[in-house]
PDB file of N, CA and C in Angstrom:
ATOM      1  N   UNK A   1      32.441  80.905  51.444  1.00  0.00           N
ATOM      2  CA  UNK A   1      32.103  79.726  50.672  1.00  0.00           C
ATOM      3  C   UNK A   1      31.271  78.761  51.505  1.00  0.00           C
ATOM      4  N   UNK A   2      30.379  78.058  50.832  1.00  0.00           N
ATOM      5  CA  UNK A   2      29.608  77.041  51.519  1.00  0.00           C
ATOM      6  C   UNK A   2      30.466  75.804  51.701  1.00  0.00           C
ATOM      7  N   UNK A   3      30.138  75.009  52.688  1.00  0.00           N
ATOM      8  CA  UNK A   3      30.888  73.774  52.927  1.00  0.00           C
ATOM      9  C   UNK A   3      30.577  72.732  51.863  1.00  0.00           C
ATOM     10  N   UNK A   4      29.347  72.659  51.468  1.00  0.00           N
ATOM     11  CA  UNK A   4      28.916  71.664  50.496  1.00  0.00           C
ATOM     12  C   UNK A   4      28.365  72.389  49.271  1.00  0.00           C
ATOM     13  N   UNK A   5      28.882  72.096  48.077  1.00  0.00           N
ATOM     14  CA  UNK A   5      28.381  72.798  46.892  1.00  0.00           C
ATOM     15  C   UNK A   5      26.926  72.437  46.587  1.00  0.00           C
ATOM     16  N   UNK A   6      26.223  73.393  46.007  1.00  0.00           N
ATOM     17  CA  UNK A   6      24.884  73.145  45.486  1.00  0.00           C
ATOM     18  C   UNK A   6      25.052  72.593  44.078  1.00  0.00           C
ATOM     19  N   UNK A   7      24.447  71.473  43.782  1.00  0.00           N
ATOM     20  CA  UNK A   7      24.488  70.906  42.435  1.00  0.00           C
ATOM     21  C   UNK A   7      23.310  71.463  41.637  1.00  0.00           C
ATOM     22  N   UNK A   8      23.598  71.953  40.442  1.00  0.00           N
ATOM     23  CA  UNK A   8      22.564  72.540  39.575  1.00  0.00           C
ATOM     24  C   UNK A   8      22.647  71.861  38.210  1.00  0.00           C
ATOM     25  N   UNK A   9      21.499  71.560  37.628  1.00  0.00           N
ATOM     26  CA  UNK A   9      21.468  70.926  36.314  1.00  0.00           C
ATOM     27  C   UNK A   9      20.356  71.544  35.476  1.00  0.00           C
ATOM     28  N   UNK A  10      20.611  71.602  34.171  1.00  0.00           N
ATOM     29  CA  UNK A  10      19.696  72.250  33.233  1.00  0.00           C
ATOM     30  C   UNK A  10      19.685  71.478  31.921  1.00  0.00           C
ATOM     31  N   UNK A  11      18.612  71.631  31.165  1.00  0.00           N
ATOM     32  CA  UNK A  11      18.499  70.971  29.873  1.00  0.00           C
ATOM     33  C   UNK A  11      17.941  71.959  28.843  1.00  0.00           C
ATOM     34  N   UNK A  12      18.410  71.782  27.608  1.00  0.00           N
ATOM     35  CA  UNK A  12      17.920  72.589  26.491  1.00  0.00           C
ATOM     36  C   UNK A  12      18.149  71.770  25.218  1.00  0.00           C
ATOM     37  N   UNK A  13      17.437  72.109  24.178  1.00  0.00           N
ATOM     38  CA  UNK A  13      17.672  71.470  22.891  1.00  0.00           C
ATOM     39  C   UNK A  13      18.644  72.299  22.063  1.00  0.00           C
ATOM     40  N   UNK A  14      19.323  71.618  21.159  1.00  0.00           N
ATOM     41  CA  UNK A  14      20.152  72.330  20.191  1.00  0.00           C
ATOM     42  C   UNK A  14      19.491  72.127  18.837  1.00  0.00           C
ATOM     43  N   UNK A  15      19.324  73.208  18.101  1.00  0.00           N
ATOM     44  CA  UNK A  15      18.697  73.117  16.782  1.00  0.00           C
ATOM     45  C   UNK A  15      19.610  72.275  15.882  1.00  0.00           C
ATOM     46  N   UNK A  16      19.077  71.225  15.275  1.00  0.00           N
ATOM     47  CA  UNK A  16      19.929  70.323  14.483  1.00  0.00           C
ATOM     48  C   UNK A  16      20.777  71.041  13.437  1.00  0.00           C
ATOM     49  N   UNK A  17      20.208  72.041  12.779  1.00  0.00           N
ATOM     50  CA  UNK A  17      20.945  72.756  11.738  1.00  0.00           C
ATOM     51  C   UNK A  17      22.011  73.687  12.312  1.00  0.00           C
ATOM     52  N   UNK A  18      21.992  73.900  13.636  1.00  0.00           N
ATOM     53  CA  UNK A  18      22.964  74.792  14.274  1.00  0.00           C
ATOM     54  C   UNK A  18      23.857  74.040  15.269  1.00  0.00           C
ATOM     55  N   UNK A  19      23.832  72.732  15.195  1.00  0.00           N
ATOM     56  CA  UNK A  19      24.606  71.908  16.138  1.00  0.00           C
ATOM     57  C   UNK A  19      26.091  72.257  16.101  1.00  0.00           C
ATOM     58  N   UNK A  20      26.670  72.272  14.928  1.00  0.00           N
ATOM     59  CA  UNK A  20      28.104  72.568  14.815  1.00  0.00           C
ATOM     60  C   UNK A  20      28.399  74.014  15.210  1.00  0.00           C
ATOM     61  N   UNK A  21      27.497  74.922  14.895  1.00  0.00           N
ATOM     62  CA  UNK A  21      27.661  76.324  15.295  1.00  0.00           C
ATOM     63  C   UNK A  21      27.709  76.440  16.816  1.00  0.00           C
ATOM     64  N   UNK A  22      26.976  75.574  17.519  1.00  0.00           N
ATOM     65  CA  UNK A  22      26.996  75.580  18.981  1.00  0.00           C
ATOM     66  C   UNK A  22      28.269  74.910  19.510  1.00  0.00           C
ATOM     67  N   UNK A  23      28.622  73.786  18.929  1.00  0.00           N
ATOM     68  CA  UNK A  23      29.765  73.016  19.449  1.00  0.00           C
ATOM     69  C   UNK A  23      31.111  73.704  19.204  1.00  0.00           C
ATOM     70  N   UNK A  24      31.271  74.357  18.078  1.00  0.00           N
ATOM     71  CA  UNK A  24      32.576  74.937  17.709  1.00  0.00           C
ATOM     72  C   UNK A  24      33.142  75.875  18.768  1.00  0.00           C
ATOM     73  N   UNK A  25      32.420  76.871  19.248  1.00  0.00           N
ATOM     74  CA  UNK A  25      33.026  77.766  20.243  1.00  0.00           C
ATOM     75  C   UNK A  25      33.307  77.079  21.578  1.00  0.00           C
ATOM     76  N   UNK A  26      32.612  75.995  21.867  1.00  0.00           N
ATOM     77  CA  UNK A  26      32.848  75.296  23.129  1.00  0.00           C
ATOM     78  C   UNK A  26      34.157  74.497  23.118  1.00  0.00           C
ATOM     79  N   UNK A  27      34.762  74.367  21.969  1.00  0.00           N
ATOM     80  CA  UNK A  27      36.077  73.705  21.915  1.00  0.00           C
ATOM     81  C   UNK A  27      37.163  74.586  22.514  1.00  0.00           C
ATOM     82  N   UNK A  28      36.945  75.901  22.492  1.00  0.00           N
ATOM     83  CA  UNK A  28      37.868  76.860  23.103  1.00  0.00           C
ATOM     84  C   UNK A  28      37.052  77.999  23.718  1.00  0.00           C
ATOM     85  N   UNK A  29      36.479  77.722  24.863  1.00  0.00           N
ATOM     86  CA  UNK A  29      35.658  78.734  25.544  1.00  0.00           C
ATOM     87  C   UNK A  29      36.534  79.923  25.907  1.00  0.00           C
ATOM     88  N   UNK A  30      35.999  81.102  25.717  1.00  0.00           N
ATOM     89  CA  UNK A  30      36.753  82.328  25.985  1.00  0.00           C
ATOM     90  C   UNK A  30      37.185  82.366  27.454  1.00  0.00           C
ATOM     91  N   UNK A  31      38.445  82.666  27.721  1.00  0.00           N
ATOM     92  CA  UNK A  31      38.923  82.749  29.108  1.00  0.00           C
ATOM     93  C   UNK A  31      38.134  83.757  29.948  1.00  0.00           C
ATOM     94  N   UNK A  32      37.692  84.850  29.357  1.00  0.00           N
ATOM     95  CA  UNK A  32      36.934  85.851  30.121  1.00  0.00           C
ATOM     96  C   UNK A  32      35.584  85.302  30.582  1.00  0.00           C
ATOM     97  N   UNK A  33      34.973  84.457  29.775  1.00  0.00           N
ATOM     98  CA  UNK A  33      33.704  83.833  30.158  1.00  0.00           C
ATOM     99  C   UNK A  33      33.948  82.845  31.294  1.00  0.00           C
ATOM    100  N   UNK A  34      34.984  82.039  31.164  1.00  0.00           N
ATOM    101  CA  UNK A  34      35.315  81.089  32.231  1.00  0.00           C
ATOM    102  C   UNK A  34      35.672  81.814  33.525  1.00  0.00           C
ATOM    103  N   UNK A  35      36.407  82.900  33.405  1.00  0.00           N
ATOM    104  CA  UNK A  35      36.819  83.668  34.582  1.00  0.00           C
ATOM    105  C   UNK A  35      35.600  84.231  35.317  1.00  0.00           C
ATOM    106  N   UNK A  36      34.632  84.763  34.568  1.00  0.00           N
ATOM    107  CA  UNK A  36      33.429  85.318  35.199  1.00  0.00           C
ATOM    108  C   UNK A  36      32.639  84.225  35.920  1.00  0.00           C
ATOM    109  N   UNK A  37      32.521  83.070  35.315  1.00  0.00           N
ATOM    110  CA  UNK A  37      31.825  81.968  35.988  1.00  0.00           C
ATOM    111  C   UNK A  37      32.511  81.626  37.310  1.00  0.00           C
ATOM    112  N   UNK A  38      33.823  81.520  37.272  1.00  0.00           N
ATOM    113  CA  UNK A  38      34.581  81.198  38.481  1.00  0.00           C
ATOM    114  C   UNK A  38      34.424  82.291  39.529  1.00  0.00           C
ATOM    115  N   UNK A  39      34.514  83.553  39.104  1.00  0.00           N
ATOM    116  CA  UNK A  39      34.339  84.678  40.038  1.00  0.00           C
ATOM    117  C   UNK A  39      32.971  84.648  40.702  1.00  0.00           C
ATOM    118  N   UNK A  40      31.988  84.105  40.003  1.00  0.00           N
ATOM    119  CA  UNK A  40      30.621  84.051  40.523  1.00  0.00           C
ATOM    120  C   UNK A  40      30.304  82.702  41.164  1.00  0.00           C
ATOM    121  N   UNK A  41      31.363  81.999  41.560  1.00  0.00           N
ATOM    122  CA  UNK A  41      31.240  80.786  42.381  1.00  0.00           C
ATOM    123  C   UNK A  41      30.667  79.571  41.648  1.00  0.00           C
ATOM    124  N   UNK A  42      30.810  79.530  40.327  1.00  0.00           N
ATOM    125  CA  UNK A  42      30.401  78.377  39.530  1.00  0.00           C
ATOM    126  C   UNK A  42      31.650  77.535  39.272  1.00  0.00           C
ATOM    127  N   UNK A  43      31.590  76.281  39.655  1.00  0.00           N
ATOM    128  CA  UNK A  43      32.725  75.367  39.502  1.00  0.00           C
ATOM    129  C   UNK A  43      32.247  74.046  38.913  1.00  0.00           C
ATOM    130  N   UNK A  44      33.193  73.280  38.412  1.00  0.00           N
ATOM    131  CA  UNK A  44      32.894  71.952  37.851  1.00  0.00           C
ATOM    132  C   UNK A  44      31.720  72.013  36.883  1.00  0.00           C
ATOM    133  N   UNK A  45      31.774  72.971  35.974  1.00  0.00           N
ATOM    134  CA  UNK A  45      30.709  73.175  34.985  1.00  0.00           C
ATOM    135  C   UNK A  45      30.985  72.273  33.788  1.00  0.00           C
ATOM    136  N   UNK A  46      29.997  71.493  33.412  1.00  0.00           N
ATOM    137  CA  UNK A  46      30.086  70.631  32.240  1.00  0.00           C
ATOM    138  C   UNK A  46      28.815  70.765  31.423  1.00  0.00           C
ATOM    139  N   UNK A  47      28.962  70.669  30.107  1.00  0.00           N
ATOM    140  CA  UNK A  47      27.813  70.564  29.214  1.00  0.00           C
ATOM    141  C   UNK A  47      28.005  69.279  28.424  1.00  0.00           C
ATOM    142  N   UNK A  48      26.971  68.449  28.415  1.00  0.00           N
ATOM    143  CA  UNK A  48      26.983  67.181  27.690  1.00  0.00           C
ATOM    144  C   UNK A  48      25.985  67.278  26.542  1.00  0.00           C
ATOM    145  N   UNK A  49      26.227  66.498  25.500  1.00  0.00           N
ATOM    146  CA  UNK A  49      25.283  66.459  24.382  1.00  0.00           C
ATOM    147  C   UNK A  49      24.918  65.009  24.078  1.00  0.00           C
ATOM    148  N   UNK A  50      23.633  64.799  23.819  1.00  0.00           N
ATOM    149  CA  UNK A  50      23.127  63.493  23.405  1.00  0.00           C
ATOM    150  C   UNK A  50      22.098  63.763  22.315  1.00  0.00           C
ATOM    151  N   UNK A  51      22.468  63.472  21.081  1.00  0.00           N
ATOM    152  CA  UNK A  51      21.586  63.821  19.971  1.00  0.00           C
ATOM    153  C   UNK A  51      21.429  65.321  19.897  1.00  0.00           C
ATOM    154  N   UNK A  52      20.211  65.780  20.034  1.00  0.00           N
ATOM    155  CA  UNK A  52      19.916  67.213  19.988  1.00  0.00           C
ATOM    156  C   UNK A  52      19.574  67.772  21.365  1.00  0.00           C
ATOM    157  N   UNK A  53      20.013  67.084  22.415  1.00  0.00           N
ATOM    158  CA  UNK A  53      19.746  67.535  23.772  1.00  0.00           C
ATOM    159  C   UNK A  53      21.057  67.896  24.457  1.00  0.00           C
ATOM    160  N   UNK A  54      21.081  69.076  25.071  1.00  0.00           N
ATOM    161  CA  UNK A  54      22.225  69.516  25.863  1.00  0.00           C
ATOM    162  C   UNK A  54      21.841  69.426  27.340  1.00  0.00           C
ATOM    163  N   UNK A  55      22.754  68.892  28.135  1.00  0.00           N
ATOM    164  CA  UNK A  55      22.571  68.783  29.569  1.00  0.00           C
ATOM    165  C   UNK A  55      23.736  69.481  30.236  1.00  0.00           C
ATOM    166  N   UNK A  56      23.452  70.450  31.096  1.00  0.00           N
ATOM    167  CA  UNK A  56      24.503  71.194  31.791  1.00  0.00           C
ATOM    168  C   UNK A  56      24.446  70.890  33.279  1.00  0.00           C
ATOM    169  N   UNK A  57      25.625  70.831  33.872  1.00  0.00           N
ATOM    170  CA  UNK A  57      25.755  70.576  35.306  1.00  0.00           C
ATOM    171  C   UNK A  57      26.856  71.468  35.853  1.00  0.00           C
ATOM    172  N   UNK A  58      26.604  72.084  36.989  1.00  0.00           N
ATOM    173  CA  UNK A  58      27.671  72.800  37.681  1.00  0.00           C
ATOM    174  C   UNK A  58      27.441  72.738  39.179  1.00  0.00           C
ATOM    175  N   UNK A  59      28.500  73.065  39.894  1.00  0.00           N
ATOM    176  CA  UNK A  59      28.421  73.149  41.340  1.00  0.00           C
ATOM    177  C   UNK A  59      28.603  74.609  41.737  1.00  0.00           C
ATOM    178  N   UNK A  60      27.688  75.085  42.559  1.00  0.00           N
ATOM    179  CA  UNK A  60      27.744  76.454  43.053  1.00  0.00           C
ATOM    180  C   UNK A  60      28.327  76.419  44.460  1.00  0.00           C
ATOM    181  N   UNK A  61      29.412  77.168  44.659  1.00  0.00           N
ATOM    182  CA  UNK A  61      30.126  77.121  45.938  1.00  0.00           C
ATOM    183  C   UNK A  61      30.049  78.442  46.710  1.00  0.00           C
ATOM    184  N   UNK A  62      29.180  79.339  46.311  1.00  0.00           N
ATOM    185  CA  UNK A  62      29.057  80.626  46.982  1.00  0.00           C
ATOM    186  C   UNK A  62      27.968  80.616  48.041  1.00  0.00           C
ATOM    187  N   UNK A  63      27.626  81.816  48.467  1.00  0.00           N
ATOM    188  CA  UNK A  63      26.615  81.988  49.522  1.00  0.00           C
ATOM    189  C   UNK A  63      25.277  82.488  48.992  1.00  0.00           C
ATOM    190  N   UNK A  64      25.266  83.072  47.756  1.00  0.00           N
ATOM    191  CA  UNK A  64      24.043  83.701  47.257  1.00  0.00           C
ATOM    192  C   UNK A  64      23.914  83.494  45.749  1.00  0.00           C
ATOM    193  N   UNK A  65      23.389  82.358  45.376  1.00  0.00           N
ATOM    194  CA  UNK A  65      23.221  81.998  43.965  1.00  0.00           C
ATOM    195  C   UNK A  65      22.393  83.052  43.231  1.00  0.00           C
ATOM    196  N   UNK A  66      21.322  83.513  43.863  1.00  0.00           N
ATOM    197  CA  UNK A  66      20.427  84.483  43.221  1.00  0.00           C
ATOM    198  C   UNK A  66      21.119  85.814  42.944  1.00  0.00           C
ATOM    199  N   UNK A  67      22.139  86.163  43.707  1.00  0.00           N
ATOM    200  CA  UNK A  67      22.893  87.399  43.465  1.00  0.00           C
ATOM    201  C   UNK A  67      24.009  87.182  42.451  1.00  0.00           C
ATOM    202  N   UNK A  68      24.612  86.007  42.440  1.00  0.00           N
ATOM    203  CA  UNK A  68      25.727  85.748  41.526  1.00  0.00           C
ATOM    204  C   UNK A  68      25.281  85.566  40.079  1.00  0.00           C
ATOM    205  N   UNK A  69      24.106  85.011  39.847  1.00  0.00           N
ATOM    206  CA  UNK A  69      23.670  84.767  38.470  1.00  0.00           C
ATOM    207  C   UNK A  69      23.502  86.067  37.674  1.00  0.00           C
ATOM    208  N   UNK A  70      22.926  87.129  38.239  1.00  0.00           N
ATOM    209  CA  UNK A  70      22.854  88.392  37.491  1.00  0.00           C
ATOM    210  C   UNK A  70      24.233  88.989  37.201  1.00  0.00           C
ATOM    211  N   UNK A  71      25.207  88.737  38.057  1.00  0.00           N
ATOM    212  CA  UNK A  71      26.565  89.226  37.796  1.00  0.00           C
ATOM    213  C   UNK A  71      27.121  88.573  36.533  1.00  0.00           C
ATOM    214  N   UNK A  72      26.794  87.315  36.319  1.00  0.00           N
ATOM    215  CA  UNK A  72      27.215  86.640  35.087  1.00  0.00           C
ATOM    216  C   UNK A  72      26.482  87.256  33.900  1.00  0.00           C
ATOM    217  N   UNK A  73      25.179  87.425  34.037  1.00  0.00           N
ATOM    218  CA  UNK A  73      24.363  87.961  32.937  1.00  0.00           C
ATOM    219  C   UNK A  73      24.732  89.392  32.571  1.00  0.00           C
ATOM    220  N   UNK A  74      25.258  90.151  33.512  1.00  0.00           N
ATOM    221  CA  UNK A  74      25.638  91.541  33.254  1.00  0.00           C
ATOM    222  C   UNK A  74      27.030  91.686  32.640  1.00  0.00           C
ATOM    223  N   UNK A  75      27.766  90.609  32.565  1.00  0.00           N
ATOM    224  CA  UNK A  75      29.136  90.644  32.052  1.00  0.00           C
ATOM    225  C   UNK A  75      29.143  90.817  30.527  1.00  0.00           C
ATOM    226  N   UNK A  76      29.803  91.855  29.995  1.00  0.00           N
ATOM    227  CA  UNK A  76      29.806  92.094  28.549  1.00  0.00           C
ATOM    228  C   UNK A  76      30.357  90.925  27.727  1.00  0.00           C
ATOM    229  N   UNK A  77      31.410  90.269  28.186  1.00  0.00           N
ATOM    230  CA  UNK A  77      31.968  89.134  27.428  1.00  0.00           C
ATOM    231  C   UNK A  77      30.972  87.980  27.386  1.00  0.00           C
ATOM    232  N   UNK A  78      30.307  87.728  28.505  1.00  0.00           N
ATOM    233  CA  UNK A  78      29.305  86.662  28.541  1.00  0.00           C
ATOM    234  C   UNK A  78      28.137  87.008  27.637  1.00  0.00           C
ATOM    235  N   UNK A  79      27.717  88.258  27.640  1.00  0.00           N
ATOM    236  CA  UNK A  79      26.629  88.673  26.748  1.00  0.00           C
ATOM    237  C   UNK A  79      27.009  88.449  25.283  1.00  0.00           C
ATOM    238  N   UNK A  80      28.248  88.768  24.935  1.00  0.00           N
ATOM    239  CA  UNK A  80      28.721  88.534  23.564  1.00  0.00           C
ATOM    240  C   UNK A  80      28.741  87.037  23.252  1.00  0.00           C
ATOM    241  N   UNK A  81      29.219  86.241  24.190  1.00  0.00           N
ATOM    242  CA  UNK A  81      29.250  84.780  24.017  1.00  0.00           C
ATOM    243  C   UNK A  81      27.848  84.257  23.703  1.00  0.00           C
ATOM    244  N   UNK A  82      26.876  84.745  24.462  1.00  0.00           N
ATOM    245  CA  UNK A  82      25.500  84.285  24.274  1.00  0.00           C
ATOM    246  C   UNK A  82      24.937  84.660  22.912  1.00  0.00           C
ATOM    247  N   UNK A  83      25.451  85.729  22.274  1.00  0.00           N
ATOM    248  CA  UNK A  83      24.965  86.053  20.926  1.00  0.00           C
ATOM    249  C   UNK A  83      25.342  84.952  19.945  1.00  0.00           C
ATOM    250  N   UNK A  84      26.360  84.179  20.262  1.00  0.00           N
ATOM    251  CA  UNK A  84      26.784  83.070  19.404  1.00  0.00           C
ATOM    252  C   UNK A  84      26.063  81.769  19.758  1.00  0.00           C
ATOM    253  N   UNK A  85      25.787  81.551  21.034  1.00  0.00           N
ATOM    254  CA  UNK A  85      25.229  80.265  21.461  1.00  0.00           C
ATOM    255  C   UNK A  85      23.704  80.247  21.551  1.00  0.00           C
ATOM    256  N   UNK A  86      23.097  81.330  22.011  1.00  0.00           N
ATOM    257  CA  UNK A  86      21.647  81.328  22.217  1.00  0.00           C
ATOM    258  C   UNK A  86      20.835  81.026  20.960  1.00  0.00           C
ATOM    259  N   UNK A  87      21.199  81.536  19.779  1.00  0.00           N
ATOM    260  CA  UNK A  87      20.397  81.231  18.595  1.00  0.00           C
ATOM    261  C   UNK A  87      20.392  79.746  18.218  1.00  0.00           C
ATOM    262  N   UNK A  88      21.293  78.991  18.796  1.00  0.00           N
ATOM    263  CA  UNK A  88      21.403  77.557  18.496  1.00  0.00           C
ATOM    264  C   UNK A  88      20.487  76.719  19.384  1.00  0.00           C
ATOM    265  N   UNK A  89      19.884  77.338  20.385  1.00  0.00           N
ATOM    266  CA  UNK A  89      19.153  76.593  21.403  1.00  0.00           C
ATOM    267  C   UNK A  89      17.649  76.729  21.249  1.00  0.00           C
ATOM    268  N   UNK A  90      16.947  75.705  21.737  1.00  0.00           N
ATOM    269  CA  UNK A  90      15.486  75.722  21.761  1.00  0.00           C
ATOM    270  C   UNK A  90      15.031  75.026  23.055  1.00  0.00           C
ATOM    271  N   UNK A  91      14.082  75.640  23.727  1.00  0.00           N
ATOM    272  CA  UNK A  91      13.574  75.051  24.972  1.00  0.00           C
ATOM    273  C   UNK A  91      12.875  73.734  24.658  1.00  0.00           C
ATOM    274  N   UNK A  92      13.146  72.713  25.447  1.00  0.00           N
ATOM    275  CA  UNK A  92      12.521  71.401  25.259  1.00  0.00           C
ATOM    276  C   UNK A  92      11.813  70.919  26.514  1.00  0.00           C
ATOM    277  N   UNK A  93      11.985  71.620  27.624  1.00  0.00           N
ATOM    278  CA  UNK A  93      11.394  71.191  28.887  1.00  0.00           C
ATOM    279  C   UNK A  93      10.320  72.173  29.317  1.00  0.00           C
ATOM    280  N   UNK A  94       9.537  71.740  30.278  1.00  0.00           N
ATOM    281  CA  UNK A  94       8.525  72.598  30.877  1.00  0.00           C
ATOM    282  C   UNK A  94       9.148  73.933  31.275  1.00  0.00           C
ATOM    283  N   UNK A  95       8.445  75.007  30.980  1.00  0.00           N
ATOM    284  CA  UNK A  95       8.975  76.344  31.284  1.00  0.00           C
ATOM    285  C   UNK A  95       8.826  76.636  32.775  1.00  0.00           C
ATOM    286  N   UNK A  96       9.918  76.419  33.508  1.00  0.00           N
ATOM    287  CA  UNK A  96       9.949  76.708  34.942  1.00  0.00           C
ATOM    288  C   UNK A  96      10.600  78.058  35.195  1.00  0.00           C
ATOM    289  N   UNK A  97      11.491  78.474  34.302  1.00  0.00           N
ATOM    290  CA  UNK A  97      12.107  79.795  34.362  1.00  0.00           C
ATOM    291  C   UNK A  97      11.580  80.554  33.142  1.00  0.00           C
ATOM    292  N   UNK A  98      10.751  81.564  33.348  1.00  0.00           N
ATOM    293  CA  UNK A  98      10.129  82.261  32.222  1.00  0.00           C
ATOM    294  C   UNK A  98      11.139  82.766  31.191  1.00  0.00           C
ATOM    295  N   UNK A  99      10.820  82.510  29.930  1.00  0.00           N
ATOM    296  CA  UNK A  99      11.568  82.989  28.769  1.00  0.00           C
ATOM    297  C   UNK A  99      12.979  82.429  28.653  1.00  0.00           C
ATOM    298  N   UNK A 100      13.394  81.526  29.518  1.00  0.00           N
ATOM    299  CA  UNK A 100      14.744  80.962  29.457  1.00  0.00           C
ATOM    300  C   UNK A 100      14.735  79.671  28.647  1.00  0.00           C
ATOM    301  N   UNK A 101      15.658  79.540  27.707  1.00  0.00           N
ATOM    302  CA  UNK A 101      15.714  78.266  26.978  1.00  0.00           C
ATOM    303  C   UNK A 101      16.197  77.122  27.882  1.00  0.00           C
ATOM    304  N   UNK A 102      17.275  77.366  28.649  1.00  0.00           N
ATOM    305  CA  UNK A 102      17.777  76.356  29.589  1.00  0.00           C
ATOM    306  C   UNK A 102      16.805  76.275  30.764  1.00  0.00           C
ATOM    307  N   UNK A 103      16.298  75.085  31.027  1.00  0.00           N
ATOM    308  CA  UNK A 103      15.363  74.899  32.133  1.00  0.00           C
ATOM    309  C   UNK A 103      15.973  73.958  33.169  1.00  0.00           C
ATOM    310  N   UNK A 104      15.763  74.264  34.456  1.00  0.00           N
ATOM    311  CA  UNK A 104      16.331  73.413  35.499  1.00  0.00           C
ATOM    312  C   UNK A 104      15.675  72.042  35.525  1.00  0.00           C
ATOM    313  N   UNK A 105      16.437  71.046  35.917  1.00  0.00           N
ATOM    314  CA  UNK A 105      15.922  69.696  36.118  1.00  0.00           C
ATOM    315  C   UNK A 105      16.154  69.321  37.580  1.00  0.00           C
ATOM    316  N   UNK A 106      15.292  68.498  38.093  1.00  0.00           N
ATOM    317  CA  UNK A 106      15.355  68.108  39.496  1.00  0.00           C
ATOM    318  C   UNK A 106      16.240  66.889  39.681  1.00  0.00           C
ATOM    319  N   UNK A 107      17.018  66.920  40.740  1.00  0.00           N
ATOM    320  CA  UNK A 107      17.837  65.771  41.106  1.00  0.00           C
ATOM    321  C   UNK A 107      16.940  64.719  41.739  1.00  0.00           C
ATOM    322  N   UNK A 108      17.060  63.485  41.278  1.00  0.00           N
ATOM    323  CA  UNK A 108      16.260  62.406  41.848  1.00  0.00           C
ATOM    324  C   UNK A 108      17.098  61.422  42.652  1.00  0.00           C
ATOM    325  N   UNK A 109      18.439  61.488  42.482  1.00  0.00           N
ATOM    326  CA  UNK A 109      19.306  60.588  43.245  1.00  0.00           C
ATOM    327  C   UNK A 109      20.728  61.107  43.162  1.00  0.00           C
ATOM    328  N   UNK A 110      21.473  60.896  44.223  1.00  0.00           N
ATOM    329  CA  UNK A 110      22.888  61.323  44.248  1.00  0.00           C
ATOM    330  C   UNK A 110      23.667  60.372  45.134  1.00  0.00           C
ATOM    331  N   UNK A 111      24.766  59.864  44.615  1.00  0.00           N
ATOM    332  CA  UNK A 111      25.685  59.034  45.386  1.00  0.00           C
ATOM    333  C   UNK A 111      26.839  59.925  45.814  1.00  0.00           C
ATOM    334  N   UNK A 112      26.966  60.153  47.093  1.00  0.00           N
ATOM    335  CA  UNK A 112      28.041  61.016  47.612  1.00  0.00           C
ATOM    336  C   UNK A 112      29.264  60.189  47.945  1.00  0.00           C
TER     337      UNK A 112
END
C-alpha cells in the first residue's frame, strides 16, 4: 500500500430522462461490485449529483492504478452493473480518456 492515497475525480452527465434509473441502483450497490473496488485498492468512493451532473471521487491506496483498473473492468458483476448505469450517462467534459463517458478532472486545490 502507498503511504498517501492518490485522489481521483471524474465527471459525467446523467441523461435527465434516465436520472431515476441511475439513482435507484445506487441506493443499494451490489456487494460484489463494492468488494471488487475494495480488492482493487479503491477506497472512500463517493458519487455526488448536482442537477444533471455526476461527480465521482475516490482514493486509490494501491501501488499500480493502471493495473488495478482493468481488474475492475474485467469483473463480471461490475460489467453487469455497468449495463444498468452506462446507458444513463453522457460525456459532458473534454474527452481526455477516449470513448469513456466519465472524464477525469484536475485537482486545483487541496486542504490536507
